[in-house]
Every structure is written in structure tokens, then in C-alpha cells.
Amino acid sequence: MAIVAAMDAPDLVARLAAAADKTGRSPADLVGSAIRNFIDTASDDLWIQLIGLMNSSQDPGLAAMRAILEKALPAVSET
């Protein structure tokens, strides 16, 4: 959660919390699974996009994590 908090993305934190509540898994487990799934299944196009995002960021690691989590986590529906 410290890495997600460092991204300064409250919307992403909310999406992660909602996914954790829905699945009964810990946020850390969901983050690890999302990253691993990207590594295992991402197309060449997605890797190129990710490298481009990382290349233009002052913190490439956080940029990569944010991009992967934004794709992996479902949007929080507004009620």
C-alpha cells in the first residue's frame, strides 16, 4: 500500500480497496497478482506503451505500477 500511496492517486487507492473488499484478498496480494499477470500476458504493444510511459516519467517504477494497476483494477461504480 505504501507504493500505491506514493503514486498520489486516491482514485487508484479506492479501486484497490474496492477490489480487495469484493474478492476478500489483501491489497498487497491484488497488486502482486496484477503485476505478475501483466508480466505473464502483456502483448508487445502493451510493453512498448509501458516503456514509453516509464521513459517519460521522473519515477519509472511508479509510472509502470500505476499504468498496470489502472488497467487491471475495475472502476469503482458510483452509487
PDB file of N, CA and C in Angstrom:
ATOM      1  N   MET A   1       0.823  -1.196   0.000  1.00  0.00           N
ATOM      2  CA  MET A   1       0.000   0.000   0.000  1.00  0.00           C
ATOM      3  C   MET A   1       0.864   1.255   0.000  1.00  0.00           C
ATOM      4  N   ALA A   2       2.076   1.172   0.530  1.00  0.00           N
ATOM      5  CA  ALA A   2       2.958   2.337   0.532  1.00  0.00           C
ATOM      6  C   ALA A   2       3.308   2.744  -0.892  1.00  0.00           C
ATOM      7  N   ILE A   3       3.488   1.772  -1.758  1.00  0.00           N
ATOM      8  CA  ILE A   3       3.800   2.089  -3.158  1.00  0.00           C
ATOM      9  C   ILE A   3       2.596   2.753  -3.812  1.00  0.00           C
ATOM     10  N   VAL A   4       1.419   2.232  -3.577  1.00  0.00           N
ATOM     11  CA  VAL A   4       0.208   2.816  -4.151  1.00  0.00           C
ATOM     12  C   VAL A   4       0.009   4.225  -3.599  1.00  0.00           C
ATOM     13  N   ALA A   5       0.247   4.409  -2.313  1.00  0.00           N
ATOM     14  CA  ALA A   5       0.119   5.743  -1.708  1.00  0.00           C
ATOM     15  C   ALA A   5       1.126   6.712  -2.310  1.00  0.00           C
ATOM     16  N   ALA A   6       2.319   6.239  -2.637  1.00  0.00           N
ATOM     17  CA  ALA A   6       3.350   7.096  -3.231  1.00  0.00           C
ATOM     18  C   ALA A   6       2.951   7.587  -4.617  1.00  0.00           C
ATOM     19  N   MET A   7       2.032   6.910  -5.263  1.00  0.00           N
ATOM     20  CA  MET A   7       1.574   7.336  -6.589  1.00  0.00           C
ATOM     21  C   MET A   7       0.697   8.572  -6.512  1.00  0.00           C
ATOM     22  N   ASP A   8       0.234   8.906  -5.313  1.00  0.00           N
ATOM     23  CA  ASP A   8      -0.646  10.056  -5.110  1.00  0.00           C
ATOM     24  C   ASP A   8      -1.848   9.972  -6.053  1.00  0.00           C
ATOM     25  N   ALA A   9      -2.528   8.822  -5.985  1.00  0.00           N
ATOM     26  CA  ALA A   9      -3.680   8.559  -6.849  1.00  0.00           C
ATOM     27  C   ALA A   9      -4.830   8.022  -6.005  1.00  0.00           C
ATOM     28  N   PRO A  10      -5.580   8.925  -5.352  1.00  0.00           N
ATOM     29  CA  PRO A  10      -6.672   8.468  -4.483  1.00  0.00           C
ATOM     30  C   PRO A  10      -7.688   7.584  -5.200  1.00  0.00           C
ATOM     31  N   ASP A  11      -7.927   7.848  -6.474  1.00  0.00           N
ATOM     32  CA  ASP A  11      -8.866   7.024  -7.232  1.00  0.00           C
ATOM     33  C   ASP A  11      -8.367   5.587  -7.348  1.00  0.00           C
ATOM     34  N   LEU A  12      -7.076   5.431  -7.524  1.00  0.00           N
ATOM     35  CA  LEU A  12      -6.492   4.100  -7.634  1.00  0.00           C
ATOM     36  C   LEU A  12      -6.544   3.380  -6.286  1.00  0.00           C
ATOM     37  N   VAL A  13      -6.309   4.105  -5.206  1.00  0.00           N
ATOM     38  CA  VAL A  13      -6.414   3.522  -3.870  1.00  0.00           C
ATOM     39  C   VAL A  13      -7.847   3.047  -3.625  1.00  0.00           C
ATOM     40  N   ALA A  14      -8.829   3.838  -4.026  1.00  0.00           N
ATOM     41  CA  ALA A  14     -10.233   3.455  -3.858  1.00  0.00           C
ATOM     42  C   ALA A  14     -10.559   2.217  -4.684  1.00  0.00           C
ATOM     43  N   ARG A  15     -10.058   2.158  -5.902  1.00  0.00           N
ATOM     44  CA  ARG A  15     -10.298   0.990  -6.757  1.00  0.00           C
ATOM     45  C   ARG A  15      -9.663  -0.258  -6.152  1.00  0.00           C
ATOM     46  N   LEU A  16      -8.458  -0.111  -5.599  1.00  0.00           N
ATOM     47  CA  LEU A  16      -7.772  -1.233  -4.977  1.00  0.00           C
ATOM     48  C   LEU A  16      -8.521  -1.704  -3.734  1.00  0.00           C
ATOM     49  N   ALA A  17      -8.970  -0.774  -2.914  1.00  0.00           N
ATOM     50  CA  ALA A  17      -9.727  -1.131  -1.710  1.00  0.00           C
ATOM     51  C   ALA A  17     -11.035  -1.826  -2.074  1.00  0.00           C
ATOM     52  N   ALA A  18     -11.713  -1.320  -3.086  1.00  0.00           N
ATOM     53  CA  ALA A  18     -12.974  -1.938  -3.515  1.00  0.00           C
ATOM     54  C   ALA A  18     -12.740  -3.354  -4.037  1.00  0.00           C
ATOM     55  N   ALA A  19     -11.688  -3.540  -4.810  1.00  0.00           N
ATOM     56  CA  ALA A  19     -11.378  -4.872  -5.338  1.00  0.00           C
ATOM     57  C   ALA A  19     -11.005  -5.827  -4.204  1.00  0.00           C
ATOM     58  N   ALA A  20     -10.275  -5.330  -3.219  1.00  0.00           N
ATOM     59  CA  ALA A  20      -9.902  -6.162  -2.073  1.00  0.00           C
ATOM     60  C   ALA A  20     -11.143  -6.578  -1.284  1.00  0.00           C
ATOM     61  N   ASP A  21     -12.039  -5.628  -1.053  1.00  0.00           N
ATOM     62  CA  ASP A  21     -13.279  -5.936  -0.338  1.00  0.00           C
ATOM     63  C   ASP A  21     -14.109  -6.964  -1.104  1.00  0.00           C
ATOM     64  N   LYS A  22     -14.200  -6.781  -2.406  1.00  0.00           N
ATOM     65  CA  LYS A  22     -15.037  -7.658  -3.229  1.00  0.00           C
ATOM     66  C   LYS A  22     -14.483  -9.082  -3.295  1.00  0.00           C
ATOM     67  N   THR A  23     -13.167  -9.207  -3.389  1.00  0.00           N
ATOM     68  CA  THR A  23     -12.557 -10.523  -3.572  1.00  0.00           C
ATOM     69  C   THR A  23     -12.139 -11.188  -2.266  1.00  0.00           C
ATOM     70  N   GLY A  24     -12.049 -10.403  -1.183  1.00  0.00           N
ATOM     71  CA  GLY A  24     -11.581 -10.954   0.080  1.00  0.00           C
ATOM     72  C   GLY A  24     -10.079 -11.175   0.116  1.00  0.00           C
ATOM     73  N   ARG A  25      -9.370 -10.600  -0.836  1.00  0.00           N
ATOM     74  CA  ARG A  25      -7.908 -10.708  -0.887  1.00  0.00           C
ATOM     75  C   ARG A  25      -7.302  -9.419  -0.344  1.00  0.00           C
ATOM     76  N   SER A  26      -6.067  -9.506   0.091  1.00  0.00           N
ATOM     77  CA  SER A  26      -5.406  -8.307   0.601  1.00  0.00           C
ATOM     78  C   SER A  26      -5.012  -7.404  -0.569  1.00  0.00           C
ATOM     79  N   PRO A  27      -4.941  -6.096  -0.324  1.00  0.00           N
ATOM     80  CA  PRO A  27      -4.492  -5.183  -1.386  1.00  0.00           C
ATOM     81  C   PRO A  27      -3.118  -5.570  -1.922  1.00  0.00           C
ATOM     82  N   ALA A  28      -2.209  -5.964  -1.042  1.00  0.00           N
ATOM     83  CA  ALA A  28      -0.865  -6.350  -1.485  1.00  0.00           C
ATOM     84  C   ALA A  28      -0.917  -7.556  -2.420  1.00  0.00           C
ATOM     85  N   ASP A  29      -1.780  -8.506  -2.111  1.00  0.00           N
ATOM     86  CA  ASP A  29      -1.942  -9.690  -2.961  1.00  0.00           C
ATOM     87  C   ASP A  29      -2.486  -9.294  -4.335  1.00  0.00           C
ATOM     88  N   LEU A  30      -3.444  -8.381  -4.352  1.00  0.00           N
ATOM     89  CA  LEU A  30      -4.001  -7.928  -5.626  1.00  0.00           C
ATOM     90  C   LEU A  30      -2.961  -7.196  -6.468  1.00  0.00           C
ATOM     91  N   VAL A  31      -2.154  -6.357  -5.821  1.00  0.00           N
ATOM     92  CA  VAL A  31      -1.104  -5.639  -6.557  1.00  0.00           C
ATOM     93  C   VAL A  31      -0.113  -6.644  -7.144  1.00  0.00           C
ATOM     94  N   GLY A  32       0.325  -7.579  -6.324  1.00  0.00           N
ATOM     95  CA  GLY A  32       1.269  -8.592  -6.809  1.00  0.00           C
ATOM     96  C   GLY A  32       0.701  -9.407  -7.957  1.00  0.00           C
ATOM     97  N   SER A  33      -0.562  -9.786  -7.846  1.00  0.00           N
ATOM     98  CA  SER A  33      -1.200 -10.564  -8.910  1.00  0.00           C
ATOM     99  C   SER A  33      -1.327  -9.758 -10.196  1.00  0.00           C
ATOM    100  N   ALA A  34      -1.681  -8.475 -10.067  1.00  0.00           N
ATOM    101  CA  ALA A  34      -1.826  -7.634 -11.256  1.00  0.00           C
ATOM    102  C   ALA A  34      -0.494  -7.479 -11.981  1.00  0.00           C
ATOM    103  N   ILE A  35       0.565  -7.264 -11.224  1.00  0.00           N
ATOM    104  CA  ILE A  35       1.888  -7.106 -11.835  1.00  0.00           C
ATOM    105  C   ILE A  35       2.319  -8.414 -12.487  1.00  0.00           C
ATOM    106  N   ARG A  36       2.143  -9.510 -11.777  1.00  0.00           N
ATOM    107  CA  ARG A  36       2.542 -10.817 -12.318  1.00  0.00           C
ATOM    108  C   ARG A  36       1.744 -11.157 -13.572  1.00  0.00           C
ATOM    109  N   ASN A  37       0.448 -10.875 -13.553  1.00  0.00           N
ATOM    110  CA  ASN A  37      -0.390 -11.150 -14.714  1.00  0.00           C
ATOM    111  C   ASN A  37       0.066 -10.327 -15.918  1.00  0.00           C
ATOM    112  N   PHE A  38       0.416  -9.062 -15.675  1.00  0.00           N
ATOM    113  CA  PHE A  38       0.912  -8.236 -16.778  1.00  0.00           C
ATOM    114  C   PHE A  38       2.187  -8.840 -17.355  1.00  0.00           C
ATOM    115  N   ILE A  39       3.104  -9.209 -16.483  1.00  0.00           N
ATOM    116  CA  ILE A  39       4.373  -9.791 -16.938  1.00  0.00           C
ATOM    117  C   ILE A  39       4.126 -11.054 -17.760  1.00  0.00           C
ATOM    118  N   ASP A  40       3.187 -11.868 -17.309  1.00  0.00           N
ATOM    119  CA  ASP A  40       2.921 -13.143 -17.978  1.00  0.00           C
ATOM    120  C   ASP A  40       2.128 -13.015 -19.272  1.00  0.00           C
ATOM    121  N   THR A  41       1.268 -11.979 -19.395  1.00  0.00           N
ATOM    122  CA  THR A  41       0.325 -11.977 -20.508  1.00  0.00           C
ATOM    123  C   THR A  41       0.352 -10.754 -21.420  1.00  0.00           C
ATOM    124  N   ALA A  42       1.079  -9.713 -21.063  1.00  0.00           N
ATOM    125  CA  ALA A  42       1.025  -8.473 -21.845  1.00  0.00           C
ATOM    126  C   ALA A  42       1.558  -8.685 -23.260  1.00  0.00           C
ATOM    127  N   SER A  43       0.880  -8.062 -24.192  1.00  0.00           N
ATOM    128  CA  SER A  43       1.307  -8.116 -25.591  1.00  0.00           C
ATOM    129  C   SER A  43       2.515  -7.202 -25.792  1.00  0.00           C
ATOM    130  N   ASP A  44       3.151  -7.345 -26.930  1.00  0.00           N
ATOM    131  CA  ASP A  44       4.281  -6.476 -27.258  1.00  0.00           C
ATOM    132  C   ASP A  44       3.853  -5.011 -27.272  1.00  0.00           C
ATOM    133  N   ASP A  45       2.655  -4.747 -27.763  1.00  0.00           N
ATOM    134  CA  ASP A  45       2.152  -3.368 -27.803  1.00  0.00           C
ATOM    135  C   ASP A  45       2.029  -2.773 -26.403  1.00  0.00           C
ATOM    136  N   LEU A  46       1.514  -3.555 -25.458  1.00  0.00           N
ATOM    137  CA  LEU A  46       1.390  -3.068 -24.085  1.00  0.00           C
ATOM    138  C   LEU A  46       2.757  -2.811 -23.456  1.00  0.00           C
ATOM    139  N   TRP A  47       3.726  -3.680 -23.751  1.00  0.00           N
ATOM    140  CA  TRP A  47       5.082  -3.470 -23.233  1.00  0.00           C
ATOM    141  C   TRP A  47       5.686  -2.192 -23.806  1.00  0.00           C
ATOM    142  N   ILE A  48       5.480  -1.958 -25.082  1.00  0.00           N
ATOM    143  CA  ILE A  48       6.011  -0.735 -25.710  1.00  0.00           C
ATOM    144  C   ILE A  48       5.365   0.496 -25.095  1.00  0.00           C
ATOM    145  N   GLN A  49       4.045   0.449 -24.870  1.00  0.00           N
ATOM    146  CA  GLN A  49       3.364   1.571 -24.217  1.00  0.00           C
ATOM    147  C   GLN A  49       3.922   1.801 -22.819  1.00  0.00           C
ATOM    148  N   LEU A  50       4.129   0.727 -22.092  1.00  0.00           N
ATOM    149  CA  LEU A  50       4.645   0.840 -20.728  1.00  0.00           C
ATOM    150  C   LEU A  50       6.051   1.435 -20.722  1.00  0.00           C
ATOM    151  N   ILE A  51       6.882   0.984 -21.626  1.00  0.00           N
ATOM    152  CA  ILE A  51       8.243   1.522 -21.705  1.00  0.00           C
ATOM    153  C   ILE A  51       8.211   3.005 -22.048  1.00  0.00           C
ATOM    154  N   GLY A  52       7.312   3.404 -22.933  1.00  0.00           N
ATOM    155  CA  GLY A  52       7.164   4.819 -23.271  1.00  0.00           C
ATOM    156  C   GLY A  52       6.757   5.642 -22.060  1.00  0.00           C
ATOM    157  N   LEU A  53       5.794   5.144 -21.280  1.00  0.00           N
ATOM    158  CA  LEU A  53       5.380   5.843 -20.060  1.00  0.00           C
ATOM    159  C   LEU A  53       6.534   5.951 -19.076  1.00  0.00           C
ATOM    160  N   MET A  54       7.263   4.877 -18.920  1.00  0.00           N
ATOM    161  CA  MET A  54       8.378   4.874 -17.984  1.00  0.00           C
ATOM    162  C   MET A  54       9.477   5.828 -18.430  1.00  0.00           C
ATOM    163  N   ASN A  55       9.714   5.874 -19.732  1.00  0.00           N
ATOM    164  CA  ASN A  55      10.770   6.717 -20.282  1.00  0.00           C
ATOM    165  C   ASN A  55      10.489   8.200 -20.072  1.00  0.00           C
ATOM    166  N   SER A  56       9.217   8.573 -20.043  1.00  0.00           N
ATOM    167  CA  SER A  56       8.874   9.986 -19.907  1.00  0.00           C
ATOM    168  C   SER A  56       8.565  10.379 -18.461  1.00  0.00           C
ATOM    169  N   SER A  57       8.801   9.483 -17.523  1.00  0.00           N
ATOM    170  CA  SER A  57       8.483   9.744 -16.123  1.00  0.00           C
ATOM    171  C   SER A  57       9.743   9.992 -15.303  1.00  0.00           C
ATOM    172  N   GLN A  58       9.593  10.813 -14.274  1.00  0.00           N
ATOM    173  CA  GLN A  58      10.713  11.023 -13.354  1.00  0.00           C
ATOM    174  C   GLN A  58      10.893   9.828 -12.428  1.00  0.00           C
ATOM    175  N   ASP A  59       9.843   9.039 -12.238  1.00  0.00           N
ATOM    176  CA  ASP A  59       9.926   7.823 -11.427  1.00  0.00           C
ATOM    177  C   ASP A  59       9.343   6.670 -12.246  1.00  0.00           C
ATOM    178  N   PRO A  60      10.184   6.029 -13.059  1.00  0.00           N
ATOM    179  CA  PRO A  60       9.693   4.988 -13.974  1.00  0.00           C
ATOM    180  C   PRO A  60       8.997   3.817 -13.281  1.00  0.00           C
ATOM    181  N   GLY A  61       9.484   3.421 -12.124  1.00  0.00           N
ATOM    182  CA  GLY A  61       8.869   2.306 -11.415  1.00  0.00           C
ATOM    183  C   GLY A  61       7.441   2.604 -10.999  1.00  0.00           C
ATOM    184  N   LEU A  62       7.236   3.785 -10.418  1.00  0.00           N
ATOM    185  CA  LEU A  62       5.879   4.172 -10.027  1.00  0.00           C
ATOM    186  C   LEU A  62       4.982   4.342 -11.241  1.00  0.00           C
ATOM    187  N   ALA A  63       5.523   4.884 -12.315  1.00  0.00           N
ATOM    188  CA  ALA A  63       4.736   5.050 -13.541  1.00  0.00           C
ATOM    189  C   ALA A  63       4.279   3.696 -14.068  1.00  0.00           C
ATOM    190  N   ALA A  64       5.164   2.714 -14.031  1.00  0.00           N
ATOM    191  CA  ALA A  64       4.826   1.372 -14.504  1.00  0.00           C
ATOM    192  C   ALA A  64       3.749   0.745 -13.620  1.00  0.00           C
ATOM    193  N   MET A  65       3.930   0.838 -12.313  1.00  0.00           N
ATOM    194  CA  MET A  65       2.952   0.263 -11.390  1.00  0.00           C
ATOM    195  C   MET A  65       1.584   0.913 -11.583  1.00  0.00           C
ATOM    196  N   ARG A  66       1.575   2.229 -11.715  1.00  0.00           N
ATOM    197  CA  ARG A  66       0.298   2.930 -11.875  1.00  0.00           C
ATOM    198  C   ARG A  66      -0.398   2.499 -13.162  1.00  0.00           C
ATOM    199  N   ALA A  67       0.343   2.436 -14.254  1.00  0.00           N
ATOM    200  CA  ALA A  67      -0.247   2.046 -15.538  1.00  0.00           C
ATOM    201  C   ALA A  67      -0.812   0.628 -15.476  1.00  0.00           C
ATOM    202  N   ILE A  68      -0.072  -0.272 -14.869  1.00  0.00           N
ATOM    203  CA  ILE A  68      -0.534  -1.659 -14.777  1.00  0.00           C
ATOM    204  C   ILE A  68      -1.780  -1.752 -13.904  1.00  0.00           C
ATOM    205  N   LEU A  69      -1.767  -1.079 -12.758  1.00  0.00           N
ATOM    206  CA  LEU A  69      -2.922  -1.140 -11.860  1.00  0.00           C
ATOM    207  C   LEU A  69      -4.145  -0.463 -12.462  1.00  0.00           C
ATOM    208  N   GLU A  70      -3.941   0.622 -13.189  1.00  0.00           N
ATOM    209  CA  GLU A  70      -5.083   1.287 -13.826  1.00  0.00           C
ATOM    210  C   GLU A  70      -5.761   0.378 -14.831  1.00  0.00           C
ATOM    211  N   LYS A  71      -4.992  -0.449 -15.519  1.00  0.00           N
ATOM    212  CA  LYS A  71      -5.578  -1.389 -16.472  1.00  0.00           C
ATOM    213  C   LYS A  71      -6.205  -2.586 -15.766  1.00  0.00           C
ATOM    214  N   ALA A  72      -5.607  -3.007 -14.670  1.00  0.00           N
ATOM    215  CA  ALA A  72      -6.035  -4.245 -14.021  1.00  0.00           C
ATOM    216  C   ALA A  72      -7.216  -4.095 -13.079  1.00  0.00           C
ATOM    217  N   LEU A  73      -7.322  -2.949 -12.410  1.00  0.00           N
ATOM    218  CA  LEU A  73      -8.365  -2.783 -11.405  1.00  0.00           C
ATOM    219  C   LEU A  73      -9.654  -2.242 -12.014  1.00  0.00           C
ATOM    220  N   PRO A  74     -10.765  -2.857 -11.678  1.00  0.00           N
ATOM    221  CA  PRO A  74     -12.035  -2.362 -12.203  1.00  0.00           C
ATOM    222  C   PRO A  74     -12.374  -0.986 -11.617  1.00  0.00           C
ATOM    223  N   ALA A  75     -13.103  -0.218 -12.389  1.00  0.00           N
ATOM    224  CA  ALA A  75     -13.555   1.074 -11.919  1.00  0.00           C
ATOM    225  C   ALA A  75     -14.535   0.891 -10.766  1.00  0.00           C
ATOM    226  N   VAL A  76     -14.516   1.829  -9.836  1.00  0.00           N
ATOM    227  CA  VAL A  76     -15.451   1.801  -8.725  1.00  0.00           C
ATOM    228  C   VAL A  76     -16.748   2.421  -9.209  1.00  0.00           C
ATOM    229  N   SER A  77     -17.827   1.642  -9.135  1.00  0.00           N
ATOM    230  CA  SER A  77     -19.109   2.175  -9.588  1.00  0.00           C
ATOM    231  C   SER A  77     -19.630   3.160  -8.553  1.00  0.00           C
ATOM    232  N   GLU A  78     -20.182   4.241  -9.048  1.00  0.00           N
ATOM    233  CA  GLU A  78     -20.717   5.253  -8.159  1.00  0.00           C
ATOM    234  C   GLU A  78     -22.142   4.893  -7.807  1.00  0.00           C
ATOM    235  N   THR A  79     -22.453   4.974  -6.523  1.00  0.00           N
ATOM    236  CA  THR A  79     -23.805   4.620  -6.077  1.00  0.00           C
ATOM    237  C   THR A  79     -24.514   5.820  -5.525  1.00  0.00           C
TER     238      THR A  79
END
